[in-house]
Amino acid sequence: MRWITQDLPGEVARELFAARDAGAGEQQQTVILARALGHAYFREGGRRAHGLHVAFSDVEFADFSIG
């Protein structure tokens, strides 16, 4: 299990809300979140782990806030 605490840019929230408003399902929104987490957390904004594929799966708990 991995606990991740990560700030994501506001563009990610806008993209998630736009996808939701356009009727995107949970799976499509999960892909957006996985891409954002992959870039920010695992690849450190493009400084490492180039080409790493990130899948956001088997999630037991997620807590999001907009600040």
PDB file of N, CA and C in Angstrom:
ATOM      1  N   MET A   1       0.850  -1.165   0.000  1.00  0.00           N
ATOM      2  CA  MET A   1       0.000   0.000   0.000  1.00  0.00           C
ATOM      3  C   MET A   1       0.903   1.237   0.000  1.00  0.00           C
ATOM      4  N   ARG A   2       0.487   2.239  -0.723  1.00  0.00           N
ATOM      5  CA  ARG A   2       1.262   3.473  -0.805  1.00  0.00           C
ATOM      6  C   ARG A   2       0.360   4.638  -0.421  1.00  0.00           C
ATOM      7  N   TRP A   3       0.831   5.433   0.539  1.00  0.00           N
ATOM      8  CA  TRP A   3       0.145   6.657   0.920  1.00  0.00           C
ATOM      9  C   TRP A   3       0.781   7.798   0.153  1.00  0.00           C
ATOM     10  N   ILE A   4      -0.006   8.512  -0.603  1.00  0.00           N
ATOM     11  CA  ILE A   4       0.523   9.622  -1.409  1.00  0.00           C
ATOM     12  C   ILE A   4      -0.175  10.906  -0.980  1.00  0.00           C
ATOM     13  N   THR A   5       0.635  11.889  -0.631  1.00  0.00           N
ATOM     14  CA  THR A   5       0.130  13.232  -0.377  1.00  0.00           C
ATOM     15  C   THR A   5       0.800  14.117  -1.409  1.00  0.00           C
ATOM     16  N   GLN A   6       0.028  14.636  -2.325  1.00  0.00           N
ATOM     17  CA  GLN A   6       0.628  15.363  -3.449  1.00  0.00           C
ATOM     18  C   GLN A   6      -0.247  16.547  -3.848  1.00  0.00           C
ATOM     19  N   ASP A   7       0.374  17.708  -3.939  1.00  0.00           N
ATOM     20  CA  ASP A   7      -0.317  18.862  -4.503  1.00  0.00           C
ATOM     21  C   ASP A   7      -0.287  18.733  -6.015  1.00  0.00           C
ATOM     22  N   LEU A   8      -1.424  18.977  -6.635  1.00  0.00           N
ATOM     23  CA  LEU A   8      -1.509  18.945  -8.095  1.00  0.00           C
ATOM     24  C   LEU A   8      -1.902  20.332  -8.586  1.00  0.00           C
ATOM     25  N   PRO A   9      -1.468  20.703  -9.764  1.00  0.00           N
ATOM     26  CA  PRO A   9      -1.815  22.025 -10.288  1.00  0.00           C
ATOM     27  C   PRO A   9      -3.317  22.169 -10.502  1.00  0.00           C
ATOM     28  N   GLY A  10      -3.775  23.411 -10.462  1.00  0.00           N
ATOM     29  CA  GLY A  10      -5.189  23.704 -10.662  1.00  0.00           C
ATOM     30  C   GLY A  10      -5.727  23.216 -11.986  1.00  0.00           C
ATOM     31  N   GLU A  11      -4.850  23.081 -12.982  1.00  0.00           N
ATOM     32  CA  GLU A  11      -5.291  22.586 -14.290  1.00  0.00           C
ATOM     33  C   GLU A  11      -5.880  21.186 -14.180  1.00  0.00           C
ATOM     34  N   VAL A  12      -5.371  20.406 -13.241  1.00  0.00           N
ATOM     35  CA  VAL A  12      -5.870  19.037 -13.074  1.00  0.00           C
ATOM     36  C   VAL A  12      -7.309  19.070 -12.564  1.00  0.00           C
ATOM     37  N   ALA A  13      -7.582  19.922 -11.585  1.00  0.00           N
ATOM     38  CA  ALA A  13      -8.952  20.048 -11.076  1.00  0.00           C
ATOM     39  C   ALA A  13      -9.879  20.525 -12.185  1.00  0.00           C
ATOM     40  N   ARG A  14      -9.433  21.508 -12.955  1.00  0.00           N
ATOM     41  CA  ARG A  14     -10.261  22.002 -14.060  1.00  0.00           C
ATOM     42  C   ARG A  14     -10.539  20.895 -15.070  1.00  0.00           C
ATOM     43  N   GLU A  15      -9.504  20.095 -15.376  1.00  0.00           N
ATOM     44  CA  GLU A  15      -9.683  19.000 -16.332  1.00  0.00           C
ATOM     45  C   GLU A  15     -10.645  17.941 -15.787  1.00  0.00           C
ATOM     46  N   LEU A  16     -10.528  17.630 -14.492  1.00  0.00           N
ATOM     47  CA  LEU A  16     -11.423  16.647 -13.889  1.00  0.00           C
ATOM     48  C   LEU A  16     -12.873  17.138 -13.875  1.00  0.00           C
ATOM     49  N   PHE A  17     -13.078  18.407 -13.498  1.00  0.00           N
ATOM     50  CA  PHE A  17     -14.435  18.952 -13.483  1.00  0.00           C
ATOM     51  C   PHE A  17     -15.008  19.026 -14.890  1.00  0.00           C
ATOM     52  N   ALA A  18     -14.197  19.415 -15.855  1.00  0.00           N
ATOM     53  CA  ALA A  18     -14.669  19.488 -17.244  1.00  0.00           C
ATOM     54  C   ALA A  18     -15.051  18.101 -17.746  1.00  0.00           C
ATOM     55  N   ALA A  19     -14.247  17.099 -17.397  1.00  0.00           N
ATOM     56  CA  ALA A  19     -14.555  15.728 -17.814  1.00  0.00           C
ATOM     57  C   ALA A  19     -15.854  15.261 -17.176  1.00  0.00           C
ATOM     58  N   ARG A  20     -15.999  15.536 -15.894  1.00  0.00           N
ATOM     59  CA  ARG A  20     -17.234  15.151 -15.203  1.00  0.00           C
ATOM     60  C   ARG A  20     -18.443  15.830 -15.838  1.00  0.00           C
ATOM     61  N   ASP A  21     -18.320  17.135 -16.079  1.00  0.00           N
ATOM     62  CA  ASP A  21     -19.429  17.893 -16.660  1.00  0.00           C
ATOM     63  C   ASP A  21     -19.769  17.410 -18.076  1.00  0.00           C
ATOM     64  N   ALA A  22     -18.786  16.851 -18.771  1.00  0.00           N
ATOM     65  CA  ALA A  22     -19.012  16.336 -20.120  1.00  0.00           C
ATOM     66  C   ALA A  22     -19.540  14.900 -20.101  1.00  0.00           C
ATOM     67  N   GLY A  23     -19.730  14.359 -18.899  1.00  0.00           N
ATOM     68  CA  GLY A  23     -20.292  13.022 -18.779  1.00  0.00           C
ATOM     69  C   GLY A  23     -19.277  11.904 -18.663  1.00  0.00           C
ATOM     70  N   ALA A  24     -18.014  12.247 -18.431  1.00  0.00           N
ATOM     71  CA  ALA A  24     -16.984  11.214 -18.288  1.00  0.00           C
ATOM     72  C   ALA A  24     -17.274  10.360 -17.059  1.00  0.00           C
ATOM     73  N   GLY A  25     -17.033   9.096 -17.199  1.00  0.00           N
ATOM     74  CA  GLY A  25     -17.227   8.178 -16.085  1.00  0.00           C
ATOM     75  C   GLY A  25     -16.021   8.160 -15.163  1.00  0.00           C
ATOM     76  N   GLU A  26     -16.145   7.367 -14.119  1.00  0.00           N
ATOM     77  CA  GLU A  26     -15.071   7.266 -13.124  1.00  0.00           C
ATOM     78  C   GLU A  26     -13.766   6.785 -13.761  1.00  0.00           C
ATOM     79  N   GLN A  27     -13.863   5.842 -14.679  1.00  0.00           N
ATOM     80  CA  GLN A  27     -12.654   5.304 -15.304  1.00  0.00           C
ATOM     81  C   GLN A  27     -11.909   6.394 -16.074  1.00  0.00           C
ATOM     82  N   GLN A  28     -12.629   7.210 -16.818  1.00  0.00           N
ATOM     83  CA  GLN A  28     -11.985   8.286 -17.574  1.00  0.00           C
ATOM     84  C   GLN A  28     -11.360   9.320 -16.637  1.00  0.00           C
ATOM     85  N   GLN A  29     -12.039   9.617 -15.542  1.00  0.00           N
ATOM     86  CA  GLN A  29     -11.499  10.567 -14.584  1.00  0.00           C
ATOM     87  C   GLN A  29     -10.276   9.996 -13.867  1.00  0.00           C
ATOM     88  N   THR A  30     -10.289   8.685 -13.653  1.00  0.00           N
ATOM     89  CA  THR A  30      -9.143   8.023 -13.032  1.00  0.00           C
ATOM     90  C   THR A  30      -7.914   8.115 -13.928  1.00  0.00           C
ATOM     91  N   VAL A  31      -8.101   8.015 -15.226  1.00  0.00           N
ATOM     92  CA  VAL A  31      -6.988   8.149 -16.168  1.00  0.00           C
ATOM     93  C   VAL A  31      -6.379   9.546 -16.063  1.00  0.00           C
ATOM     94  N   ILE A  32      -7.211  10.568 -15.963  1.00  0.00           N
ATOM     95  CA  ILE A  32      -6.719  11.947 -15.814  1.00  0.00           C
ATOM     96  C   ILE A  32      -5.909  12.069 -14.532  1.00  0.00           C
ATOM     97  N   LEU A  33      -6.429  11.535 -13.448  1.00  0.00           N
ATOM     98  CA  LEU A  33      -5.742  11.605 -12.161  1.00  0.00           C
ATOM     99  C   LEU A  33      -4.436  10.823 -12.180  1.00  0.00           C
ATOM    100  N   ALA A  34      -4.434   9.652 -12.780  1.00  0.00           N
ATOM    101  CA  ALA A  34      -3.211   8.845 -12.868  1.00  0.00           C
ATOM    102  C   ALA A  34      -2.137   9.578 -13.658  1.00  0.00           C
ATOM    103  N   ARG A  35      -2.518  10.211 -14.751  1.00  0.00           N
ATOM    104  CA  ARG A  35      -1.550  10.965 -15.553  1.00  0.00           C
ATOM    105  C   ARG A  35      -0.956  12.110 -14.730  1.00  0.00           C
ATOM    106  N   ALA A  36      -1.811  12.820 -14.003  1.00  0.00           N
ATOM    107  CA  ALA A  36      -1.346  13.945 -13.191  1.00  0.00           C
ATOM    108  C   ALA A  36      -0.439  13.478 -12.053  1.00  0.00           C
ATOM    109  N   LEU A  37      -0.839  12.411 -11.364  1.00  0.00           N
ATOM    110  CA  LEU A  37       0.002  11.882 -10.287  1.00  0.00           C
ATOM    111  C   LEU A  37       1.319  11.340 -10.829  1.00  0.00           C
ATOM    112  N   GLY A  38       1.254  10.687 -11.972  1.00  0.00           N
ATOM    113  CA  GLY A  38       2.476  10.166 -12.587  1.00  0.00           C
ATOM    114  C   GLY A  38       3.468  11.272 -12.857  1.00  0.00           C
ATOM    115  N   HIS A  39       2.983  12.377 -13.381  1.00  0.00           N
ATOM    116  CA  HIS A  39       3.863  13.494 -13.708  1.00  0.00           C
ATOM    117  C   HIS A  39       4.405  14.179 -12.447  1.00  0.00           C
ATOM    118  N   ALA A  40       3.524  14.482 -11.507  1.00  0.00           N
ATOM    119  CA  ALA A  40       3.920  15.249 -10.327  1.00  0.00           C
ATOM    120  C   ALA A  40       4.665  14.412  -9.290  1.00  0.00           C
ATOM    121  N   TYR A  41       4.182  13.217  -8.998  1.00  0.00           N
ATOM    122  CA  TYR A  41       4.736  12.426  -7.899  1.00  0.00           C
ATOM    123  C   TYR A  41       5.846  11.474  -8.358  1.00  0.00           C
ATOM    124  N   PHE A  42       5.545  10.632  -9.316  1.00  0.00           N
ATOM    125  CA  PHE A  42       6.507   9.603  -9.710  1.00  0.00           C
ATOM    126  C   PHE A  42       7.624  10.138 -10.611  1.00  0.00           C
ATOM    127  N   ARG A  43       7.296  11.065 -11.494  1.00  0.00           N
ATOM    128  CA  ARG A  43       8.307  11.611 -12.414  1.00  0.00           C
ATOM    129  C   ARG A  43       8.864  12.940 -11.946  1.00  0.00           C
ATOM    130  N   GLU A  44       8.386  13.427 -10.795  1.00  0.00           N
ATOM    131  CA  GLU A  44       8.835  14.701 -10.222  1.00  0.00           C
ATOM    132  C   GLU A  44       8.861  15.802 -11.268  1.00  0.00           C
ATOM    133  N   GLY A  45       7.758  15.977 -11.958  1.00  0.00           N
ATOM    134  CA  GLY A  45       7.634  17.050 -12.935  1.00  0.00           C
ATOM    135  C   GLY A  45       8.541  16.894 -14.142  1.00  0.00           C
ATOM    136  N   GLY A  46       8.923  15.665 -14.469  1.00  0.00           N
ATOM    137  CA  GLY A  46       9.758  15.405 -15.637  1.00  0.00           C
ATOM    138  C   GLY A  46      11.239  15.251 -15.324  1.00  0.00           C
ATOM    139  N   ARG A  47      11.611  15.230 -14.039  1.00  0.00           N
ATOM    140  CA  ARG A  47      13.018  15.113 -13.659  1.00  0.00           C
ATOM    141  C   ARG A  47      13.510  13.672 -13.530  1.00  0.00           C
ATOM    142  N   ARG A  48      12.601  12.696 -13.507  1.00  0.00           N
ATOM    143  CA  ARG A  48      13.037  11.297 -13.381  1.00  0.00           C
ATOM    144  C   ARG A  48      11.959  10.367 -13.920  1.00  0.00           C
ATOM    145  N   ALA A  49      12.257   9.092 -13.974  1.00  0.00           N
ATOM    146  CA  ALA A  49      11.329   8.019 -14.348  1.00  0.00           C
ATOM    147  C   ALA A  49      10.625   8.279 -15.676  1.00  0.00           C
ATOM    148  N   HIS A  50      11.361   8.725 -16.656  1.00  0.00           N
ATOM    149  CA  HIS A  50      10.788   8.975 -17.980  1.00  0.00           C
ATOM    150  C   HIS A  50      10.225   7.678 -18.551  1.00  0.00           C
ATOM    151  N   GLY A  51       9.067   7.749 -19.141  1.00  0.00           N
ATOM    152  CA  GLY A  51       8.448   6.583 -19.752  1.00  0.00           C
ATOM    153  C   GLY A  51       7.694   5.692 -18.784  1.00  0.00           C
ATOM    154  N   LEU A  52       7.672   6.043 -17.510  1.00  0.00           N
ATOM    155  CA  LEU A  52       6.958   5.242 -16.518  1.00  0.00           C
ATOM    156  C   LEU A  52       5.455   5.334 -16.756  1.00  0.00           C
ATOM    157  N   HIS A  53       4.781   4.200 -16.784  1.00  0.00           N
ATOM    158  CA  HIS A  53       3.322   4.165 -16.918  1.00  0.00           C
ATOM    159  C   HIS A  53       2.721   4.072 -15.523  1.00  0.00           C
ATOM    160  N   VAL A  54       1.771   4.937 -15.236  1.00  0.00           N
ATOM    161  CA  VAL A  54       1.135   4.954 -13.918  1.00  0.00           C
ATOM    162  C   VAL A  54      -0.335   4.580 -14.068  1.00  0.00           C
ATOM    163  N   ALA A  55      -0.767   3.620 -13.289  1.00  0.00           N
ATOM    164  CA  ALA A  55      -2.179   3.239 -13.239  1.00  0.00           C
ATOM    165  C   ALA A  55      -2.679   3.490 -11.822  1.00  0.00           C
ATOM    166  N   PHE A  56      -3.768   4.176 -11.714  1.00  0.00           N
ATOM    167  CA  PHE A  56      -4.379   4.480 -10.426  1.00  0.00           C
ATOM    168  C   PHE A  56      -5.449   3.423 -10.213  1.00  0.00           C
ATOM    169  N   SER A  57      -5.095   2.331  -9.496  1.00  0.00           N
ATOM    170  CA  SER A  57      -6.006   1.197  -9.372  1.00  0.00           C
ATOM    171  C   SER A  57      -5.998   0.654  -7.950  1.00  0.00           C
ATOM    172  N   ASP A  58      -6.977  -0.175  -7.665  1.00  0.00           N
ATOM    173  CA  ASP A  58      -7.111  -0.802  -6.351  1.00  0.00           C
ATOM    174  C   ASP A  58      -7.049   0.227  -5.233  1.00  0.00           C
ATOM    175  N   VAL A  59      -7.739   1.328  -5.420  1.00  0.00           N
ATOM    176  CA  VAL A  59      -7.734   2.419  -4.456  1.00  0.00           C
ATOM    177  C   VAL A  59      -8.659   2.059  -3.299  1.00  0.00           C
ATOM    178  N   GLU A  60      -8.112   2.113  -2.093  1.00  0.00           N
ATOM    179  CA  GLU A  60      -8.914   1.837  -0.914  1.00  0.00           C
ATOM    180  C   GLU A  60      -9.483   3.118  -0.316  1.00  0.00           C
ATOM    181  N   PHE A  61      -8.766   4.215  -0.460  1.00  0.00           N
ATOM    182  CA  PHE A  61      -9.200   5.474   0.118  1.00  0.00           C
ATOM    183  C   PHE A  61      -8.581   6.614  -0.661  1.00  0.00           C
ATOM    184  N   ALA A  62      -9.351   7.638  -0.920  1.00  0.00           N
ATOM    185  CA  ALA A  62      -8.826   8.848  -1.560  1.00  0.00           C
ATOM    186  C   ALA A  62      -9.532  10.036  -0.936  1.00  0.00           C
ATOM    187  N   ASP A  63      -8.762  11.057  -0.639  1.00  0.00           N
ATOM    188  CA  ASP A  63      -9.313  12.271  -0.053  1.00  0.00           C
ATOM    189  C   ASP A  63      -8.744  13.443  -0.834  1.00  0.00           C
ATOM    190  N   PHE A  64      -9.615  14.281  -1.361  1.00  0.00           N
ATOM    191  CA  PHE A  64      -9.187  15.400  -2.189  1.00  0.00           C
ATOM    192  C   PHE A  64      -9.697  16.684  -1.587  1.00  0.00           C
ATOM    193  N   SER A  65      -8.917  17.728  -1.726  1.00  0.00           N
ATOM    194  CA  SER A  65      -9.373  19.047  -1.313  1.00  0.00           C
ATOM    195  C   SER A  65      -8.874  20.066  -2.329  1.00  0.00           C
ATOM    196  N   ILE A  66      -9.619  21.114  -2.438  1.00  0.00           N
ATOM    197  CA  ILE A  66      -9.233  22.201  -3.325  1.00  0.00           C
ATOM    198  C   ILE A  66      -8.962  23.402  -2.448  1.00  0.00           C
ATOM    199  N   GLY A  67      -7.739  23.890  -2.561  1.00  0.00           N
ATOM    200  CA  GLY A  67      -7.362  24.991  -1.685  1.00  0.00           C
ATOM    201  C   GLY A  67      -6.964  26.221  -2.428  1.00  0.00           C
TER     202      GLY A  67
END
